[in-house]
């Protein structure tokens, strides 16, 4: 065996199945806005009840136009997924567009510092504008060593998620662990998907139905 073979990195096997990753991410990152075709059913019911029509009701339509804020955790417990994170950033930027993909790296907790560049440039995190989809790629502290001084607590993460919700944004977490490990205290503040091959487009669709 040559030195070249020893030093060569194994081929990356993405955590999401390549054949379905684009459709999966599209479904996960879209938001629904009521600006589709006129909602005939609502119009008929309004007229039948003799109620005034103050606005034209429209059907819900999925869109990516509000963009995505991508929060990528570079903390110790996420180090095994660095190559997967880079590939995910590439895929999302290609899907949503560079202008609408707002990338922020952080370590363990965004409020300790976050930004698109090196760590020395990071600043305290602030949520994006209302309507932006926030995607957090992190284990949310559950994978960090219990005695680690950098381990983010449930309370700290709850404050971050609450601030995002108050800003009028919806949050999705991609976690490299079973969704059941996500603290129950985060219910209502985020949706979560397991970042591995068990997650399918159907899984994301079912999650969207529960959010409605």
C-alpha atoms as a PDB file:
ATOM      1  CA  UNK A   1       0.000   0.000   0.000  1.00  0.00           C
ATOM      2  CA  UNK A   2       1.442   3.380  -1.001  1.00  0.00           C
ATOM      3  CA  UNK A   3       1.513   6.591   1.042  1.00  0.00           C
ATOM      4  CA  UNK A   4      -1.066   7.988  -1.382  1.00  0.00           C
ATOM      5  CA  UNK A   5      -3.521   5.235  -0.443  1.00  0.00           C
ATOM      6  CA  UNK A   6      -2.892   5.752   3.256  1.00  0.00           C
ATOM      7  CA  UNK A   7      -3.463   9.509   3.105  1.00  0.00           C
ATOM      8  CA  UNK A   8      -6.465   9.432   0.775  1.00  0.00           C
ATOM      9  CA  UNK A   9      -9.718  10.292   2.463  1.00  0.00           C
ATOM     10  CA  UNK A  10     -12.636   7.920   1.933  1.00  0.00           C
ATOM     11  CA  UNK A  11     -15.333   9.076  -0.428  1.00  0.00           C
ATOM     12  CA  UNK A  12     -18.027  11.124   1.317  1.00  0.00           C
ATOM     13  CA  UNK A  13     -21.320   9.296   1.689  1.00  0.00           C
ATOM     14  CA  UNK A  14     -23.852  12.112   2.315  1.00  0.00           C
ATOM     15  CA  UNK A  15     -26.150  11.764   5.304  1.00  0.00           C
ATOM     16  CA  UNK A  16     -29.138  12.357   3.029  1.00  0.00           C
ATOM     17  CA  UNK A  17     -29.644  10.010   0.074  1.00  0.00           C
ATOM     18  CA  UNK A  18     -28.264  11.800  -3.033  1.00  0.00           C
ATOM     19  CA  UNK A  19     -31.250  10.831  -5.188  1.00  0.00           C
ATOM     20  CA  UNK A  20     -33.731  12.575  -2.910  1.00  0.00           C
ATOM     21  CA  UNK A  21     -31.676  15.250  -1.124  1.00  0.00           C
ATOM     22  CA  UNK A  22     -32.748  18.118  -3.410  1.00  0.00           C
ATOM     23  CA  UNK A  23     -36.459  17.319  -3.072  1.00  0.00           C
ATOM     24  CA  UNK A  24     -36.022  16.759   0.665  1.00  0.00           C
ATOM     25  CA  UNK A  25     -34.284  20.102   1.218  1.00  0.00           C
ATOM     26  CA  UNK A  26     -36.784  21.939  -0.974  1.00  0.00           C
ATOM     27  CA  UNK A  27     -39.653  20.578   1.099  1.00  0.00           C
ATOM     28  CA  UNK A  28     -37.842  21.349   4.357  1.00  0.00           C
ATOM     29  CA  UNK A  29     -36.890  24.940   3.529  1.00  0.00           C
ATOM     30  CA  UNK A  30     -40.019  26.281   1.871  1.00  0.00           C
ATOM     31  CA  UNK A  31     -42.482  28.461   3.712  1.00  0.00           C
ATOM     32  CA  UNK A  32     -46.166  28.641   2.841  1.00  0.00           C
ATOM     33  CA  UNK A  33     -47.780  31.954   1.928  1.00  0.00           C
ATOM     34  CA  UNK A  34     -51.432  32.615   0.926  1.00  0.00           C
ATOM     35  CA  UNK A  35     -50.722  34.189  -2.466  1.00  0.00           C
ATOM     36  CA  UNK A  36     -51.657  31.396  -4.860  1.00  0.00           C
ATOM     37  CA  UNK A  37     -54.776  31.158  -7.015  1.00  0.00           C
ATOM     38  CA  UNK A  38     -58.059  32.589  -5.661  1.00  0.00           C
ATOM     39  CA  UNK A  39     -59.552  30.203  -3.084  1.00  0.00           C
ATOM     40  CA  UNK A  40     -62.876  29.342  -4.738  1.00  0.00           C
ATOM     41  CA  UNK A  41     -64.168  27.344  -1.758  1.00  0.00           C
ATOM     42  CA  UNK A  42     -63.731  30.291   0.606  1.00  0.00           C
ATOM     43  CA  UNK A  43     -65.278  32.673  -1.920  1.00  0.00           C
ATOM     44  CA  UNK A  44     -68.343  30.464  -2.355  1.00  0.00           C
ATOM     45  CA  UNK A  45     -68.814  30.081   1.396  1.00  0.00           C
ATOM     46  CA  UNK A  46     -68.413  33.830   1.972  1.00  0.00           C
ATOM     47  CA  UNK A  47     -71.015  34.716  -0.660  1.00  0.00           C
ATOM     48  CA  UNK A  48     -73.385  31.960   0.500  1.00  0.00           C
ATOM     49  CA  UNK A  49     -73.337  33.348   4.030  1.00  0.00           C
ATOM     50  CA  UNK A  50     -73.876  36.884   2.772  1.00  0.00           C
ATOM     51  CA  UNK A  51     -70.654  38.132   4.357  1.00  0.00           C
ATOM     52  CA  UNK A  52     -68.679  41.103   3.009  1.00  0.00           C
ATOM     53  CA  UNK A  53     -65.550  40.306   1.057  1.00  0.00           C
ATOM     54  CA  UNK A  54     -62.781  42.472   2.519  1.00  0.00           C
ATOM     55  CA  UNK A  55     -59.909  40.760   0.712  1.00  0.00           C
ATOM     56  CA  UNK A  56     -59.455  38.196  -2.020  1.00  0.00           C
ATOM     57  CA  UNK A  57     -58.744  34.820  -0.368  1.00  0.00           C
ATOM     58  CA  UNK A  58     -55.957  32.889  -2.026  1.00  0.00           C
ATOM     59  CA  UNK A  59     -54.721  29.320  -1.736  1.00  0.00           C
ATOM     60  CA  UNK A  60     -51.460  28.597   0.121  1.00  0.00           C
ATOM     61  CA  UNK A  61     -48.343  28.314  -2.026  1.00  0.00           C
ATOM     62  CA  UNK A  62     -44.867  27.102  -1.020  1.00  0.00           C
ATOM     63  CA  UNK A  63     -42.011  29.509  -1.686  1.00  0.00           C
ATOM     64  CA  UNK A  64     -38.310  30.029  -1.046  1.00  0.00           C
ATOM     65  CA  UNK A  65     -38.401  33.765  -1.717  1.00  0.00           C
ATOM     66  CA  UNK A  66     -37.942  34.737   1.941  1.00  0.00           C
ATOM     67  CA  UNK A  67     -34.585  32.991   1.977  1.00  0.00           C
ATOM     68  CA  UNK A  68     -32.874  30.808   4.541  1.00  0.00           C
ATOM     69  CA  UNK A  69     -30.603  31.577   7.451  1.00  0.00           C
ATOM     70  CA  UNK A  70     -28.276  28.598   7.788  1.00  0.00           C
ATOM     71  CA  UNK A  71     -26.785  28.203  11.274  1.00  0.00           C
ATOM     72  CA  UNK A  72     -23.970  25.636  11.192  1.00  0.00           C
ATOM     73  CA  UNK A  73     -22.531  24.364  14.474  1.00  0.00           C
ATOM     74  CA  UNK A  74     -18.743  23.877  14.452  1.00  0.00           C
ATOM     75  CA  UNK A  75     -18.578  22.835  18.100  1.00  0.00           C
ATOM     76  CA  UNK A  76     -16.617  19.834  19.323  1.00  0.00           C
ATOM     77  CA  UNK A  77     -19.506  17.380  19.131  1.00  0.00           C
ATOM     78  CA  UNK A  78     -20.172  18.328  15.477  1.00  0.00           C
ATOM     79  CA  UNK A  79     -16.576  17.859  14.293  1.00  0.00           C
ATOM     80  CA  UNK A  80     -17.282  14.386  12.790  1.00  0.00           C
ATOM     81  CA  UNK A  81     -19.753  16.031  10.393  1.00  0.00           C
ATOM     82  CA  UNK A  82     -17.585  18.824   8.965  1.00  0.00           C
ATOM     83  CA  UNK A  83     -17.458  17.341   5.452  1.00  0.00           C
ATOM     84  CA  UNK A  84     -21.195  16.705   5.533  1.00  0.00           C
ATOM     85  CA  UNK A  85     -21.775  20.293   6.646  1.00  0.00           C
ATOM     86  CA  UNK A  86     -19.737  21.663   3.754  1.00  0.00           C
ATOM     87  CA  UNK A  87     -21.700  19.550   1.290  1.00  0.00           C
ATOM     88  CA  UNK A  88     -24.992  20.634   2.859  1.00  0.00           C
ATOM     89  CA  UNK A  89     -24.029  24.314   2.599  1.00  0.00           C
ATOM     90  CA  UNK A  90     -23.151  23.788  -1.077  1.00  0.00           C
ATOM     91  CA  UNK A  91     -26.478  22.088  -1.792  1.00  0.00           C
ATOM     92  CA  UNK A  92     -28.602  24.681  -0.001  1.00  0.00           C
ATOM     93  CA  UNK A  93     -26.780  27.597  -1.634  1.00  0.00           C
ATOM     94  CA  UNK A  94     -27.366  26.027  -5.034  1.00  0.00           C
ATOM     95  CA  UNK A  95     -31.028  25.424  -4.235  1.00  0.00           C
ATOM     96  CA  UNK A  96     -32.002  28.721  -2.609  1.00  0.00           C
ATOM     97  CA  UNK A  97     -29.439  30.966  -4.284  1.00  0.00           C
ATOM     98  CA  UNK A  98     -26.397  32.711  -2.835  1.00  0.00           C
ATOM     99  CA  UNK A  99     -28.258  36.008  -2.317  1.00  0.00           C
ATOM    100  CA  UNK A 100     -30.997  34.348  -0.248  1.00  0.00           C
ATOM    101  CA  UNK A 101     -28.760  31.992   1.748  1.00  0.00           C
ATOM    102  CA  UNK A 102     -27.484  33.736   4.870  1.00  0.00           C
ATOM    103  CA  UNK A 103     -24.741  31.532   6.300  1.00  0.00           C
ATOM    104  CA  UNK A 104     -23.680  31.796   9.935  1.00  0.00           C
ATOM    105  CA  UNK A 105     -21.177  29.515  11.625  1.00  0.00           C
ATOM    106  CA  UNK A 106     -21.075  29.171  15.400  1.00  0.00           C
ATOM    107  CA  UNK A 107     -19.677  26.838  18.044  1.00  0.00           C
ATOM    108  CA  UNK A 108     -22.036  25.229  20.570  1.00  0.00           C
ATOM    109  CA  UNK A 109     -24.390  28.238  20.873  1.00  0.00           C
ATOM    110  CA  UNK A 110     -25.051  31.082  18.374  1.00  0.00           C
ATOM    111  CA  UNK A 111     -25.290  33.808  21.016  1.00  0.00           C
ATOM    112  CA  UNK A 112     -21.657  33.203  21.972  1.00  0.00           C
ATOM    113  CA  UNK A 113     -20.688  34.398  18.515  1.00  0.00           C
ATOM    114  CA  UNK A 114     -21.699  33.679  14.924  1.00  0.00           C
ATOM    115  CA  UNK A 115     -20.835  34.808  11.437  1.00  0.00           C
ATOM    116  CA  UNK A 116     -20.062  33.774   7.853  1.00  0.00           C
ATOM    117  CA  UNK A 117     -16.283  34.010   8.225  1.00  0.00           C
ATOM    118  CA  UNK A 118     -13.557  32.924  10.631  1.00  0.00           C
ATOM    119  CA  UNK A 119     -14.132  32.765  14.363  1.00  0.00           C
ATOM    120  CA  UNK A 120     -12.279  36.004  15.013  1.00  0.00           C
ATOM    121  CA  UNK A 121     -14.983  37.820  13.016  1.00  0.00           C
ATOM    122  CA  UNK A 122     -17.974  36.342  14.847  1.00  0.00           C
ATOM    123  CA  UNK A 123     -20.402  38.618  16.662  1.00  0.00           C
ATOM    124  CA  UNK A 124     -23.379  37.943  18.991  1.00  0.00           C
ATOM    125  CA  UNK A 125     -26.174  36.316  17.012  1.00  0.00           C
ATOM    126  CA  UNK A 126     -29.309  38.162  15.954  1.00  0.00           C
ATOM    127  CA  UNK A 127     -32.333  36.524  14.258  1.00  0.00           C
ATOM    128  CA  UNK A 128     -33.064  37.391  10.613  1.00  0.00           C
ATOM    129  CA  UNK A 129     -36.033  39.319   9.261  1.00  0.00           C
ATOM    130  CA  UNK A 130     -39.578  38.057   9.675  1.00  0.00           C
ATOM    131  CA  UNK A 131     -40.558  35.208   7.373  1.00  0.00           C
ATOM    132  CA  UNK A 132     -37.026  33.853   6.918  1.00  0.00           C
ATOM    133  CA  UNK A 133     -36.633  30.117   7.389  1.00  0.00           C
ATOM    134  CA  UNK A 134     -33.949  29.323   9.955  1.00  0.00           C
ATOM    135  CA  UNK A 135     -32.145  25.995   9.547  1.00  0.00           C
ATOM    136  CA  UNK A 136     -29.952  24.946  12.474  1.00  0.00           C
ATOM    137  CA  UNK A 137     -27.428  22.193  11.763  1.00  0.00           C
ATOM    138  CA  UNK A 138     -26.490  21.092  15.272  1.00  0.00           C
ATOM    139  CA  UNK A 139     -27.053  18.493  17.960  1.00  0.00           C
ATOM    140  CA  UNK A 140     -28.459  21.311  20.141  1.00  0.00           C
ATOM    141  CA  UNK A 141     -26.075  20.366  22.926  1.00  0.00           C
ATOM    142  CA  UNK A 142     -27.301  16.811  23.457  1.00  0.00           C
ATOM    143  CA  UNK A 143     -24.138  15.274  21.959  1.00  0.00           C
ATOM    144  CA  UNK A 144     -21.640  17.355  23.910  1.00  0.00           C
ATOM    145  CA  UNK A 145     -19.736  15.786  26.826  1.00  0.00           C
ATOM    146  CA  UNK A 146     -21.689  16.310  30.031  1.00  0.00           C
ATOM    147  CA  UNK A 147     -18.755  17.919  31.812  1.00  0.00           C
ATOM    148  CA  UNK A 148     -17.626  20.084  28.906  1.00  0.00           C
ATOM    149  CA  UNK A 149     -17.438  23.761  29.933  1.00  0.00           C
ATOM    150  CA  UNK A 150     -18.706  24.715  26.465  1.00  0.00           C
ATOM    151  CA  UNK A 151     -21.773  22.477  26.536  1.00  0.00           C
ATOM    152  CA  UNK A 152     -24.844  24.614  25.795  1.00  0.00           C
ATOM    153  CA  UNK A 153     -27.679  24.101  28.257  1.00  0.00           C
ATOM    154  CA  UNK A 154     -31.333  23.557  27.397  1.00  0.00           C
ATOM    155  CA  UNK A 155     -32.117  26.957  28.912  1.00  0.00           C
ATOM    156  CA  UNK A 156     -29.549  28.717  26.715  1.00  0.00           C
ATOM    157  CA  UNK A 157     -30.880  27.082  23.558  1.00  0.00           C
ATOM    158  CA  UNK A 158     -34.452  27.858  24.620  1.00  0.00           C
ATOM    159  CA  UNK A 159     -33.588  31.577  24.763  1.00  0.00           C
ATOM    160  CA  UNK A 160     -32.114  31.430  21.251  1.00  0.00           C
ATOM    161  CA  UNK A 161     -35.131  29.624  19.800  1.00  0.00           C
ATOM    162  CA  UNK A 162     -37.553  31.942  21.576  1.00  0.00           C
ATOM    163  CA  UNK A 163     -35.785  35.003  20.131  1.00  0.00           C
ATOM    164  CA  UNK A 164     -36.042  33.508  16.629  1.00  0.00           C
ATOM    165  CA  UNK A 165     -39.755  32.815  17.079  1.00  0.00           C
ATOM    166  CA  UNK A 166     -40.369  36.350  18.402  1.00  0.00           C
ATOM    167  CA  UNK A 167     -38.675  37.715  15.265  1.00  0.00           C
ATOM    168  CA  UNK A 168     -41.385  36.029  13.179  1.00  0.00           C
ATOM    169  CA  UNK A 169     -39.252  33.207  11.809  1.00  0.00           C
ATOM    170  CA  UNK A 170     -39.799  29.452  11.723  1.00  0.00           C
ATOM    171  CA  UNK A 171     -36.987  27.132  12.780  1.00  0.00           C
ATOM    172  CA  UNK A 172     -35.988  23.671  11.595  1.00  0.00           C
ATOM    173  CA  UNK A 173     -33.128  21.702  13.172  1.00  0.00           C
ATOM    174  CA  UNK A 174     -31.139  19.011  11.388  1.00  0.00           C
ATOM    175  CA  UNK A 175     -29.790  16.838  14.175  1.00  0.00           C
ATOM    176  CA  UNK A 176     -27.325  13.916  13.761  1.00  0.00           C
ATOM    177  CA  UNK A 177     -29.229  11.905  16.346  1.00  0.00           C
ATOM    178  CA  UNK A 178     -32.754  10.565  16.876  1.00  0.00           C
ATOM    179  CA  UNK A 179     -35.366  13.317  17.035  1.00  0.00           C
ATOM    180  CA  UNK A 180     -36.509  11.822  20.337  1.00  0.00           C
ATOM    181  CA  UNK A 181     -33.289  13.148  21.875  1.00  0.00           C
ATOM    182  CA  UNK A 182     -34.277  16.769  21.207  1.00  0.00           C
ATOM    183  CA  UNK A 183     -35.383  18.290  24.544  1.00  0.00           C
ATOM    184  CA  UNK A 184     -39.141  18.451  25.019  1.00  0.00           C
ATOM    185  CA  UNK A 185     -38.684  22.051  26.195  1.00  0.00           C
ATOM    186  CA  UNK A 186     -38.139  23.053  22.550  1.00  0.00           C
ATOM    187  CA  UNK A 187     -41.618  21.904  21.476  1.00  0.00           C
ATOM    188  CA  UNK A 188     -43.446  24.688  19.691  1.00  0.00           C
ATOM    189  CA  UNK A 189     -40.210  26.578  18.997  1.00  0.00           C
ATOM    190  CA  UNK A 190     -38.750  24.327  16.324  1.00  0.00           C
ATOM    191  CA  UNK A 191     -39.307  21.307  14.145  1.00  0.00           C
ATOM    192  CA  UNK A 192     -36.565  18.681  13.993  1.00  0.00           C
ATOM    193  CA  UNK A 193     -35.369  16.130  11.461  1.00  0.00           C
ATOM    194  CA  UNK A 194     -32.824  13.381  11.930  1.00  0.00           C
ATOM    195  CA  UNK A 195     -29.895  14.029   9.610  1.00  0.00           C
ATOM    196  CA  UNK A 196     -29.390  10.568   8.134  1.00  0.00           C
ATOM    197  CA  UNK A 197     -30.690   8.149   5.474  1.00  0.00           C
ATOM    198  CA  UNK A 198     -33.824   7.313   7.489  1.00  0.00           C
ATOM    199  CA  UNK A 199     -35.254  10.759   6.703  1.00  0.00           C
ATOM    200  CA  UNK A 200     -37.180  10.895   3.436  1.00  0.00           C
ATOM    201  CA  UNK A 201     -39.287  13.392   1.524  1.00  0.00           C
ATOM    202  CA  UNK A 202     -42.317  11.746   3.097  1.00  0.00           C
ATOM    203  CA  UNK A 203     -40.876  12.378   6.562  1.00  0.00           C
ATOM    204  CA  UNK A 204     -40.502  16.083   5.781  1.00  0.00           C
ATOM    205  CA  UNK A 205     -44.006  16.273   4.279  1.00  0.00           C
ATOM    206  CA  UNK A 206     -45.490  14.710   7.410  1.00  0.00           C
ATOM    207  CA  UNK A 207     -43.586  17.214   9.540  1.00  0.00           C
ATOM    208  CA  UNK A 208     -45.059  20.039   7.471  1.00  0.00           C
ATOM    209  CA  UNK A 209     -48.555  18.704   7.987  1.00  0.00           C
ATOM    210  CA  UNK A 210     -48.035  18.714  11.766  1.00  0.00           C
ATOM    211  CA  UNK A 211     -46.881  22.349  11.635  1.00  0.00           C
ATOM    212  CA  UNK A 212     -50.152  23.482  10.060  1.00  0.00           C
END
